[in-house]
Amino acid sequence: MPFVEEALLVVEKGMTGATGNIYCGLHEFADMTLVLHLLRPGDLFLDAGANVGSYTVLAAKVTGAQCVAVEPVRSTFERLFRNIKINGLNQDVELWECALGSSNGHIEFSADRDTMNQAVDTDYPGERISVPVRTIDELLAGKSSIMWKVDVEGFEQEVLRGATNALQNEHLRVVLLESDGPEVSRMMSMAGFARCTYDPFVRQLNASTSQGGRHNHLWVRDPATVQSRCQMAPKRIILGTEI
C-alpha cells in the first residue's frame, strides 16, 4: 500500500497498527509527524519494538535517516524485514531480532498478540517463545542517536535501565515512550528530559504534565532546539495534504 510520499507499507488484515496508517494517513499522527519533522539525512533513529516497521520506514525512507530497529518475535520480525526490503532500505536499517532489557540474557515473550506481544512468565496460557535480550547501551555503543521510539508494552523501566550511557548522550533529544510510571519519570527527568506534547499543524512543542493513560509519552531534552529543527523541516504530504 502507498504510505507517505514514496514509501510503501505491506499490510495484512488484522494488523491493527499498520492498517491504521492506511485509514488515518499516520496511525499515531502527532508522534509520527514529529519523526518526519525532526529527522534529517545522517541522523540515527532507534525503533525499539519496531513491530512491522511503520516508524522505521518513515524515518529511513521519507527523511533519509539511519535506523536501528529492534523486534523480538520472529513472525513480526519477518514482516519488518519485508517492509525494509520492499522500500530498498537494507543499507539504511540495522535490524536486531531480540528484546531489550537491563542486561543480556533471555526472556519469555508472547507470540500471539500482534502489536501487544510482550514479556510474560511461564504461566502465560497462550503461545510463548524464548528470545534473546540485549541492552540499548550495547546496540548503540559508539553511536549517537537523536530520537528513540520505545514501544515495549510496559517493559520501559527495564529497557531504560539498560540504556544508562546512551540516555546521557548529548545528541539524544527526543524519547517517545509507550508507557511510563514514577520510576520511568524519575529516570527521564534525571537525564534532563521534560514531558511535552507536539502539535504537528503549527509545529509547536508544549510542556505537559500528563502521566499514565493509553497514549505515548513524549520526553524532550532542549525543546527550543527540537522545535526550531521541526519548524525548518520541509512539508510532508500525508493523504494528499501538506503537513
C-alpha atoms as a PDB file:
ATOM      1  CA  MET A   1       0.000   0.000   0.000  1.00  0.00           C
ATOM      2  CA  PRO A   2       1.160   3.603  -0.596  1.00  0.00           C
ATOM      3  CA  PHE A   3       2.277   5.150   2.683  1.00  0.00           C
ATOM      4  CA  VAL A   4       3.852   8.625   2.892  1.00  0.00           C
ATOM      5  CA  GLU A   5       5.318  10.124  -0.271  1.00  0.00           C
ATOM      6  CA  GLU A   6       7.404   7.386  -1.943  1.00  0.00           C
ATOM      7  CA  ALA A   7       7.238   4.963   0.966  1.00  0.00           C
ATOM      8  CA  LEU A   8       5.296   1.693   0.812  1.00  0.00           C
ATOM      9  CA  LEU A   9       3.867  -0.440   3.591  1.00  0.00           C
ATOM     10  CA  VAL A  10       2.988  -4.126   3.299  1.00  0.00           C
ATOM     11  CA  VAL A  11      -0.006  -4.876   5.491  1.00  0.00           C
ATOM     12  CA  GLU A  12      -2.325  -7.781   6.173  1.00  0.00           C
ATOM     13  CA  LYS A  13      -5.819  -7.915   7.590  1.00  0.00           C
ATOM     14  CA  GLY A  14      -5.750  -7.876  11.356  1.00  0.00           C
ATOM     15  CA  MET A  15      -2.627  -5.689  11.683  1.00  0.00           C
ATOM     16  CA  THR A  16      -4.294  -3.114  13.907  1.00  0.00           C
ATOM     17  CA  GLY A  17      -1.383  -0.657  13.964  1.00  0.00           C
ATOM     18  CA  ALA A  18      -0.282  -0.950  10.350  1.00  0.00           C
ATOM     19  CA  THR A  19      -3.793  -0.776   8.901  1.00  0.00           C
ATOM     20  CA  GLY A  20      -4.375   2.405  10.910  1.00  0.00           C
ATOM     21  CA  ASN A  21      -1.800   4.062   8.663  1.00  0.00           C
ATOM     22  CA  ILE A  22      -3.980   3.327   5.630  1.00  0.00           C
ATOM     23  CA  TYR A  23      -7.146   4.758   7.133  1.00  0.00           C
ATOM     24  CA  CYS A  24      -5.619   7.707   9.017  1.00  0.00           C
ATOM     25  CA  GLY A  25      -2.510   8.506   6.977  1.00  0.00           C
ATOM     26  CA  LEU A  26      -0.474   8.051  10.145  1.00  0.00           C
ATOM     27  CA  HIS A  27      -1.693   5.697  12.860  1.00  0.00           C
ATOM     28  CA  GLU A  28      -0.154   7.787  15.675  1.00  0.00           C
ATOM     29  CA  PHE A  29      -0.448  11.107  13.923  1.00  0.00           C
ATOM     30  CA  ALA A  30       1.348  13.632  16.136  1.00  0.00           C
ATOM     31  CA  ASP A  31       4.145  11.247  17.124  1.00  0.00           C
ATOM     32  CA  MET A  32       4.780  10.020  13.599  1.00  0.00           C
ATOM     33  CA  THR A  33       4.710  13.555  12.226  1.00  0.00           C
ATOM     34  CA  LEU A  34       7.348  14.500  14.786  1.00  0.00           C
ATOM     35  CA  VAL A  35       9.566  11.813  13.246  1.00  0.00           C
ATOM     36  CA  LEU A  36       9.017  13.370   9.817  1.00  0.00           C
ATOM     37  CA  HIS A  37       9.705  16.911  11.036  1.00  0.00           C
ATOM     38  CA  LEU A  38      12.664  16.197  13.326  1.00  0.00           C
ATOM     39  CA  LEU A  39      14.842  13.735  11.439  1.00  0.00           C
ATOM     40  CA  ARG A  40      17.338  14.590   8.699  1.00  0.00           C
ATOM     41  CA  PRO A  41      19.617  12.507   6.461  1.00  0.00           C
ATOM     42  CA  GLY A  42      22.509  11.255   8.551  1.00  0.00           C
ATOM     43  CA  ASP A  43      20.562  11.239  11.840  1.00  0.00           C
ATOM     44  CA  LEU A  44      20.177   7.990  13.774  1.00  0.00           C
ATOM     45  CA  PHE A  45      16.752   6.815  14.944  1.00  0.00           C
ATOM     46  CA  LEU A  46      16.196   3.915  17.366  1.00  0.00           C
ATOM     47  CA  ASP A  47      12.935   1.995  16.867  1.00  0.00           C
ATOM     48  CA  ALA A  48      12.645  -0.274  19.907  1.00  0.00           C
ATOM     49  CA  GLY A  49       9.650  -2.528  19.470  1.00  0.00           C
ATOM     50  CA  ALA A  50       9.505  -1.833  15.747  1.00  0.00           C
ATOM     51  CA  ASN A  51       6.668  -4.253  15.006  1.00  0.00           C
ATOM     52  CA  VAL A  52       6.259  -4.300  11.173  1.00  0.00           C
ATOM     53  CA  GLY A  53       8.292  -1.108  10.775  1.00  0.00           C
ATOM     54  CA  SER A  54       5.906   1.821  10.298  1.00  0.00           C
ATOM     55  CA  TYR A  55       8.148   4.243  12.227  1.00  0.00           C
ATOM     56  CA  THR A  56      11.322   2.832  10.705  1.00  0.00           C
ATOM     57  CA  VAL A  57      10.000   3.234   7.157  1.00  0.00           C
ATOM     58  CA  LEU A  58       9.037   6.853   7.858  1.00  0.00           C
ATOM     59  CA  ALA A  59      12.443   7.604   9.346  1.00  0.00           C
ATOM     60  CA  ALA A  60      14.593   5.850   6.754  1.00  0.00           C
ATOM     61  CA  LYS A  61      12.578   6.126   3.537  1.00  0.00           C
ATOM     62  CA  VAL A  62      10.968   9.544   3.927  1.00  0.00           C
ATOM     63  CA  THR A  63      13.532  11.543   5.935  1.00  0.00           C
ATOM     64  CA  GLY A  64      16.682   9.653   4.904  1.00  0.00           C
ATOM     65  CA  ALA A  65      17.798   8.912   8.460  1.00  0.00           C
ATOM     66  CA  GLN A  66      19.685   5.807   9.528  1.00  0.00           C
ATOM     67  CA  CYS A  67      17.820   3.412  11.831  1.00  0.00           C
ATOM     68  CA  VAL A  68      18.365   0.710  14.403  1.00  0.00           C
ATOM     69  CA  ALA A  69      15.168  -1.365  14.524  1.00  0.00           C
ATOM     70  CA  VAL A  70      14.519  -3.986  17.216  1.00  0.00           C
ATOM     71  CA  GLU A  71      11.770  -6.619  17.156  1.00  0.00           C
ATOM     72  CA  PRO A  72      11.848  -9.861  19.203  1.00  0.00           C
ATOM     73  CA  VAL A  73       9.050 -12.004  17.716  1.00  0.00           C
ATOM     74  CA  ARG A  74      10.190 -13.995  14.667  1.00  0.00           C
ATOM     75  CA  SER A  75       6.926 -13.762  12.681  1.00  0.00           C
ATOM     76  CA  THR A  76       6.741  -9.986  13.245  1.00  0.00           C
ATOM     77  CA  PHE A  77      10.453  -9.575  12.549  1.00  0.00           C
ATOM     78  CA  GLU A  78       9.922 -11.228   9.164  1.00  0.00           C
ATOM     79  CA  ARG A  79       7.186  -8.691   8.365  1.00  0.00           C
ATOM     80  CA  LEU A  80       9.510  -5.888   9.499  1.00  0.00           C
ATOM     81  CA  PHE A  81      12.221  -7.199   7.180  1.00  0.00           C
ATOM     82  CA  ARG A  82       9.677  -7.384   4.341  1.00  0.00           C
ATOM     83  CA  ASN A  83       8.893  -3.677   4.710  1.00  0.00           C
ATOM     84  CA  ILE A  84      12.584  -2.800   4.855  1.00  0.00           C
ATOM     85  CA  LYS A  85      13.261  -4.818   1.707  1.00  0.00           C
ATOM     86  CA  ILE A  86      10.353  -3.511  -0.380  1.00  0.00           C
ATOM     87  CA  ASN A  87      11.446   0.073   0.374  1.00  0.00           C
ATOM     88  CA  GLY A  88      15.063  -0.653  -0.526  1.00  0.00           C
ATOM     89  CA  LEU A  89      16.338   0.190   2.950  1.00  0.00           C
ATOM     90  CA  ASN A  90      18.645  -2.757   3.618  1.00  0.00           C
ATOM     91  CA  GLN A  91      21.694  -0.467   3.810  1.00  0.00           C
ATOM     92  CA  ASP A  92      19.929   2.146   5.950  1.00  0.00           C
ATOM     93  CA  VAL A  93      18.431  -0.015   8.718  1.00  0.00           C
ATOM     94  CA  GLU A  94      20.311  -2.171  11.228  1.00  0.00           C
ATOM     95  CA  LEU A  95      17.952  -4.950  12.313  1.00  0.00           C
ATOM     96  CA  TRP A  96      18.039  -6.771  15.650  1.00  0.00           C
ATOM     97  CA  GLU A  97      15.833  -9.787  16.357  1.00  0.00           C
ATOM     98  CA  CYS A  98      15.814  -9.554  20.142  1.00  0.00           C
ATOM     99  CA  ALA A  99      14.118  -7.991  23.141  1.00  0.00           C
ATOM    100  CA  LEU A 100      15.604  -5.117  25.116  1.00  0.00           C
ATOM    101  CA  GLY A 101      16.200  -5.077  28.852  1.00  0.00           C
ATOM    102  CA  SER A 102      18.526  -4.121  31.689  1.00  0.00           C
ATOM    103  CA  SER A 103      21.093  -6.839  30.924  1.00  0.00           C
ATOM    104  CA  ASN A 104      21.869  -9.503  28.360  1.00  0.00           C
ATOM    105  CA  GLY A 105      20.133 -12.864  28.648  1.00  0.00           C
ATOM    106  CA  HIS A 106      16.864 -14.471  27.560  1.00  0.00           C
ATOM    107  CA  ILE A 107      13.219 -13.781  28.362  1.00  0.00           C
ATOM    108  CA  GLU A 108       9.852 -15.420  27.748  1.00  0.00           C
ATOM    109  CA  PHE A 109       7.751 -13.486  25.259  1.00  0.00           C
ATOM    110  CA  SER A 110       4.184 -13.839  23.966  1.00  0.00           C
ATOM    111  CA  ALA A 111       3.897 -14.607  20.250  1.00  0.00           C
ATOM    112  CA  ASP A 112       0.151 -14.480  19.599  1.00  0.00           C
ATOM    113  CA  ARG A 113      -0.903 -10.893  20.433  1.00  0.00           C
ATOM    114  CA  ASP A 114       0.071  -8.923  17.294  1.00  0.00           C
ATOM    115  CA  THR A 115       1.113  -5.384  18.356  1.00  0.00           C
ATOM    116  CA  MET A 116       0.555  -6.311  22.024  1.00  0.00           C
ATOM    117  CA  ASN A 117       3.235  -9.019  22.286  1.00  0.00           C
ATOM    118  CA  GLN A 118       5.203  -8.560  25.489  1.00  0.00           C
ATOM    119  CA  ALA A 119       7.350 -10.190  28.150  1.00  0.00           C
ATOM    120  CA  VAL A 120       5.402 -12.911  30.005  1.00  0.00           C
ATOM    121  CA  ASP A 121       6.028 -15.516  32.671  1.00  0.00           C
ATOM    122  CA  THR A 122       5.763 -19.287  32.382  1.00  0.00           C
ATOM    123  CA  ASP A 123       2.083 -19.190  33.428  1.00  0.00           C
ATOM    124  CA  TYR A 124       1.096 -17.392  30.216  1.00  0.00           C
ATOM    125  CA  PRO A 125      -1.633 -19.575  28.626  1.00  0.00           C
ATOM    126  CA  GLY A 126      -1.044 -18.568  25.002  1.00  0.00           C
ATOM    127  CA  GLU A 127       1.827 -19.089  22.584  1.00  0.00           C
ATOM    128  CA  ARG A 128       5.159 -18.007  24.017  1.00  0.00           C
ATOM    129  CA  ILE A 129       8.765 -18.103  22.880  1.00  0.00           C
ATOM    130  CA  SER A 130      12.177 -17.572  24.434  1.00  0.00           C
ATOM    131  CA  VAL A 131      14.009 -14.607  22.912  1.00  0.00           C
ATOM    132  CA  PRO A 132      17.461 -13.127  23.488  1.00  0.00           C
ATOM    133  CA  VAL A 133      17.716  -9.860  25.432  1.00  0.00           C
ATOM    134  CA  ARG A 134      20.217  -7.106  24.678  1.00  0.00           C
ATOM    135  CA  THR A 135      20.664  -3.596  26.084  1.00  0.00           C
ATOM    136  CA  ILE A 136      20.350  -0.277  24.292  1.00  0.00           C
ATOM    137  CA  ASP A 137      23.840   0.590  25.551  1.00  0.00           C
ATOM    138  CA  GLU A 138      25.158  -2.430  23.634  1.00  0.00           C
ATOM    139  CA  LEU A 139      23.191  -1.723  20.455  1.00  0.00           C
ATOM    140  CA  LEU A 140      24.159   1.956  20.367  1.00  0.00           C
ATOM    141  CA  ALA A 141      27.746   1.598  21.581  1.00  0.00           C
ATOM    142  CA  GLY A 142      29.848   4.145  19.685  1.00  0.00           C
ATOM    143  CA  LYS A 143      26.756   5.674  18.038  1.00  0.00           C
ATOM    144  CA  SER A 144      24.883   8.920  18.663  1.00  0.00           C
ATOM    145  CA  SER A 145      21.135   8.891  18.088  1.00  0.00           C
ATOM    146  CA  ILE A 146      18.812  11.882  18.088  1.00  0.00           C
ATOM    147  CA  MET A 147      15.472  10.136  18.697  1.00  0.00           C
ATOM    148  CA  TRP A 148      14.145   6.904  20.190  1.00  0.00           C
ATOM    149  CA  LYS A 149      10.715   5.325  19.945  1.00  0.00           C
ATOM    150  CA  VAL A 150      10.325   2.729  22.711  1.00  0.00           C
ATOM    151  CA  ASP A 151       7.180   0.609  22.465  1.00  0.00           C
ATOM    152  CA  VAL A 152       7.792  -2.404  24.697  1.00  0.00           C
ATOM    153  CA  GLU A 153       4.388  -2.975  26.324  1.00  0.00           C
ATOM    154  CA  GLY A 154       5.153  -1.890  29.879  1.00  0.00           C
ATOM    155  CA  PHE A 155       8.801  -3.038  29.936  1.00  0.00           C
ATOM    156  CA  GLU A 156      10.102   0.537  29.554  1.00  0.00           C
ATOM    157  CA  GLN A 157      11.655   0.694  33.016  1.00  0.00           C
ATOM    158  CA  GLU A 158      13.872  -2.340  32.382  1.00  0.00           C
ATOM    159  CA  VAL A 159      14.801  -1.078  28.921  1.00  0.00           C
ATOM    160  CA  LEU A 160      15.885   2.310  30.305  1.00  0.00           C
ATOM    161  CA  ARG A 161      17.962   0.588  32.982  1.00  0.00           C
ATOM    162  CA  GLY A 162      19.956  -0.922  30.136  1.00  0.00           C
ATOM    163  CA  ALA A 163      20.420   2.475  28.490  1.00  0.00           C
ATOM    164  CA  THR A 164      22.341   4.367  31.180  1.00  0.00           C
ATOM    165  CA  ASN A 165      25.099   5.570  28.846  1.00  0.00           C
ATOM    166  CA  ALA A 166      23.020   6.044  25.695  1.00  0.00           C
ATOM    167  CA  LEU A 167      20.392   8.086  27.545  1.00  0.00           C
ATOM    168  CA  GLN A 168      23.073  10.541  28.680  1.00  0.00           C
ATOM    169  CA  ASN A 169      24.423  11.059  25.147  1.00  0.00           C
ATOM    170  CA  GLU A 170      24.207  14.801  24.476  1.00  0.00           C
ATOM    171  CA  HIS A 171      22.963  14.228  20.908  1.00  0.00           C
ATOM    172  CA  LEU A 172      19.787  12.482  22.087  1.00  0.00           C
ATOM    173  CA  ARG A 173      16.919  14.971  22.011  1.00  0.00           C
ATOM    174  CA  VAL A 174      13.633  13.027  21.907  1.00  0.00           C
ATOM    175  CA  VAL A 175      12.424   9.807  23.536  1.00  0.00           C
ATOM    176  CA  LEU A 176       8.910   8.563  22.792  1.00  0.00           C
ATOM    177  CA  LEU A 177       7.727   6.022  25.382  1.00  0.00           C
ATOM    178  CA  GLU A 178       4.542   3.988  25.118  1.00  0.00           C
ATOM    179  CA  SER A 179       4.061   3.811  28.878  1.00  0.00           C
ATOM    180  CA  ASP A 180       5.538   5.400  31.957  1.00  0.00           C
ATOM    181  CA  GLY A 181       5.375   5.380  35.752  1.00  0.00           C
ATOM    182  CA  PRO A 182       7.099   7.022  38.722  1.00  0.00           C
ATOM    183  CA  GLU A 183      10.451   5.304  38.160  1.00  0.00           C
ATOM    184  CA  VAL A 184      10.441   5.927  34.407  1.00  0.00           C
ATOM    185  CA  SER A 185       9.579   9.584  35.042  1.00  0.00           C
ATOM    186  CA  ARG A 186      12.406   9.854  37.562  1.00  0.00           C
ATOM    187  CA  MET A 187      14.929   8.325  35.156  1.00  0.00           C
ATOM    188  CA  MET A 188      13.899  10.593  32.297  1.00  0.00           C
ATOM    189  CA  SER A 189      13.926  13.718  34.461  1.00  0.00           C
ATOM    190  CA  MET A 190      17.360  12.834  35.869  1.00  0.00           C
ATOM    191  CA  ALA A 191      18.656  12.550  32.309  1.00  0.00           C
ATOM    192  CA  GLY A 192      17.454  16.081  31.573  1.00  0.00           C
ATOM    193  CA  PHE A 193      14.230  15.348  29.665  1.00  0.00           C
ATOM    194  CA  ALA A 194      10.880  17.084  30.154  1.00  0.00           C
ATOM    195  CA  ARG A 195       7.370  15.961  29.226  1.00  0.00           C
ATOM    196  CA  CYS A 196       5.977  17.621  26.109  1.00  0.00           C
ATOM    197  CA  THR A 197       3.243  17.377  23.520  1.00  0.00           C
ATOM    198  CA  TYR A 198       3.677  18.167  19.826  1.00  0.00           C
ATOM    199  CA  ASP A 199       1.206  19.965  17.566  1.00  0.00           C
ATOM    200  CA  PRO A 200       2.225  18.980  14.021  1.00  0.00           C
ATOM    201  CA  PHE A 201      -0.013  21.533  12.314  1.00  0.00           C
ATOM    202  CA  VAL A 202       1.804  24.524  13.823  1.00  0.00           C
ATOM    203  CA  ARG A 203       4.999  22.579  14.664  1.00  0.00           C
ATOM    204  CA  GLN A 204       4.819  23.588  18.295  1.00  0.00           C
ATOM    205  CA  LEU A 205       6.165  21.799  21.370  1.00  0.00           C
ATOM    206  CA  ASN A 206       4.239  22.407  24.570  1.00  0.00           C
ATOM    207  CA  ALA A 207       5.083  21.480  28.136  1.00  0.00           C
ATOM    208  CA  SER A 208       2.930  18.686  29.543  1.00  0.00           C
ATOM    209  CA  THR A 209       2.159  17.204  32.936  1.00  0.00           C
ATOM    210  CA  SER A 210       0.139  14.266  31.583  1.00  0.00           C
ATOM    211  CA  GLN A 211       1.024  10.951  33.205  1.00  0.00           C
ATOM    212  CA  GLY A 212      -0.339   7.451  32.640  1.00  0.00           C
ATOM    213  CA  GLY A 213      -3.173   6.818  30.196  1.00  0.00           C
ATOM    214  CA  ARG A 214      -3.267   4.911  26.926  1.00  0.00           C
ATOM    215  CA  HIS A 215      -1.128   7.196  24.818  1.00  0.00           C
ATOM    216  CA  ASN A 216       2.535   7.696  24.024  1.00  0.00           C
ATOM    217  CA  HIS A 217       4.613   9.887  26.297  1.00  0.00           C
ATOM    218  CA  LEU A 218       6.935  12.408  24.664  1.00  0.00           C
ATOM    219  CA  TRP A 219      10.118  13.344  26.519  1.00  0.00           C
ATOM    220  CA  VAL A 220      12.290  16.130  25.098  1.00  0.00           C
ATOM    221  CA  ARG A 221      15.713  17.486  26.013  1.00  0.00           C
ATOM    222  CA  ASP A 222      16.352  21.062  24.820  1.00  0.00           C
ATOM    223  CA  PRO A 223      12.828  21.742  23.489  1.00  0.00           C
ATOM    224  CA  ALA A 224      13.856  25.024  21.841  1.00  0.00           C
ATOM    225  CA  THR A 225      16.362  23.255  19.599  1.00  0.00           C
ATOM    226  CA  VAL A 226      13.915  20.463  18.770  1.00  0.00           C
ATOM    227  CA  GLN A 227      11.145  22.900  17.895  1.00  0.00           C
ATOM    228  CA  SER A 228      13.470  25.006  15.742  1.00  0.00           C
ATOM    229  CA  ARG A 229      14.538  21.906  13.854  1.00  0.00           C
ATOM    230  CA  CYS A 230      10.926  20.870  13.281  1.00  0.00           C
ATOM    231  CA  GLN A 231       9.924  24.312  12.055  1.00  0.00           C
ATOM    232  CA  MET A 232      12.696  24.313   9.460  1.00  0.00           C
ATOM    233  CA  ALA A 233      11.832  20.868   8.079  1.00  0.00           C
ATOM    234  CA  PRO A 234      10.204  20.554   4.650  1.00  0.00           C
ATOM    235  CA  LYS A 235       6.485  19.869   4.486  1.00  0.00           C
ATOM    236  CA  ARG A 236       5.428  16.252   4.060  1.00  0.00           C
ATOM    237  CA  ILE A 237       2.442  15.043   2.081  1.00  0.00           C
ATOM    238  CA  ILE A 238       0.089  12.844   4.115  1.00  0.00           C
ATOM    239  CA  LEU A 239      -3.109  11.640   2.431  1.00  0.00           C
ATOM    240  CA  GLY A 240      -2.719  14.413  -0.109  1.00  0.00           C
ATOM    241  CA  THR A 241      -2.300  17.166   2.477  1.00  0.00           C
ATOM    242  CA  GLU A 242       0.919  19.052   3.236  1.00  0.00           C
ATOM    243  CA  ILE A 243       1.790  18.973   6.931  1.00  0.00           C
END
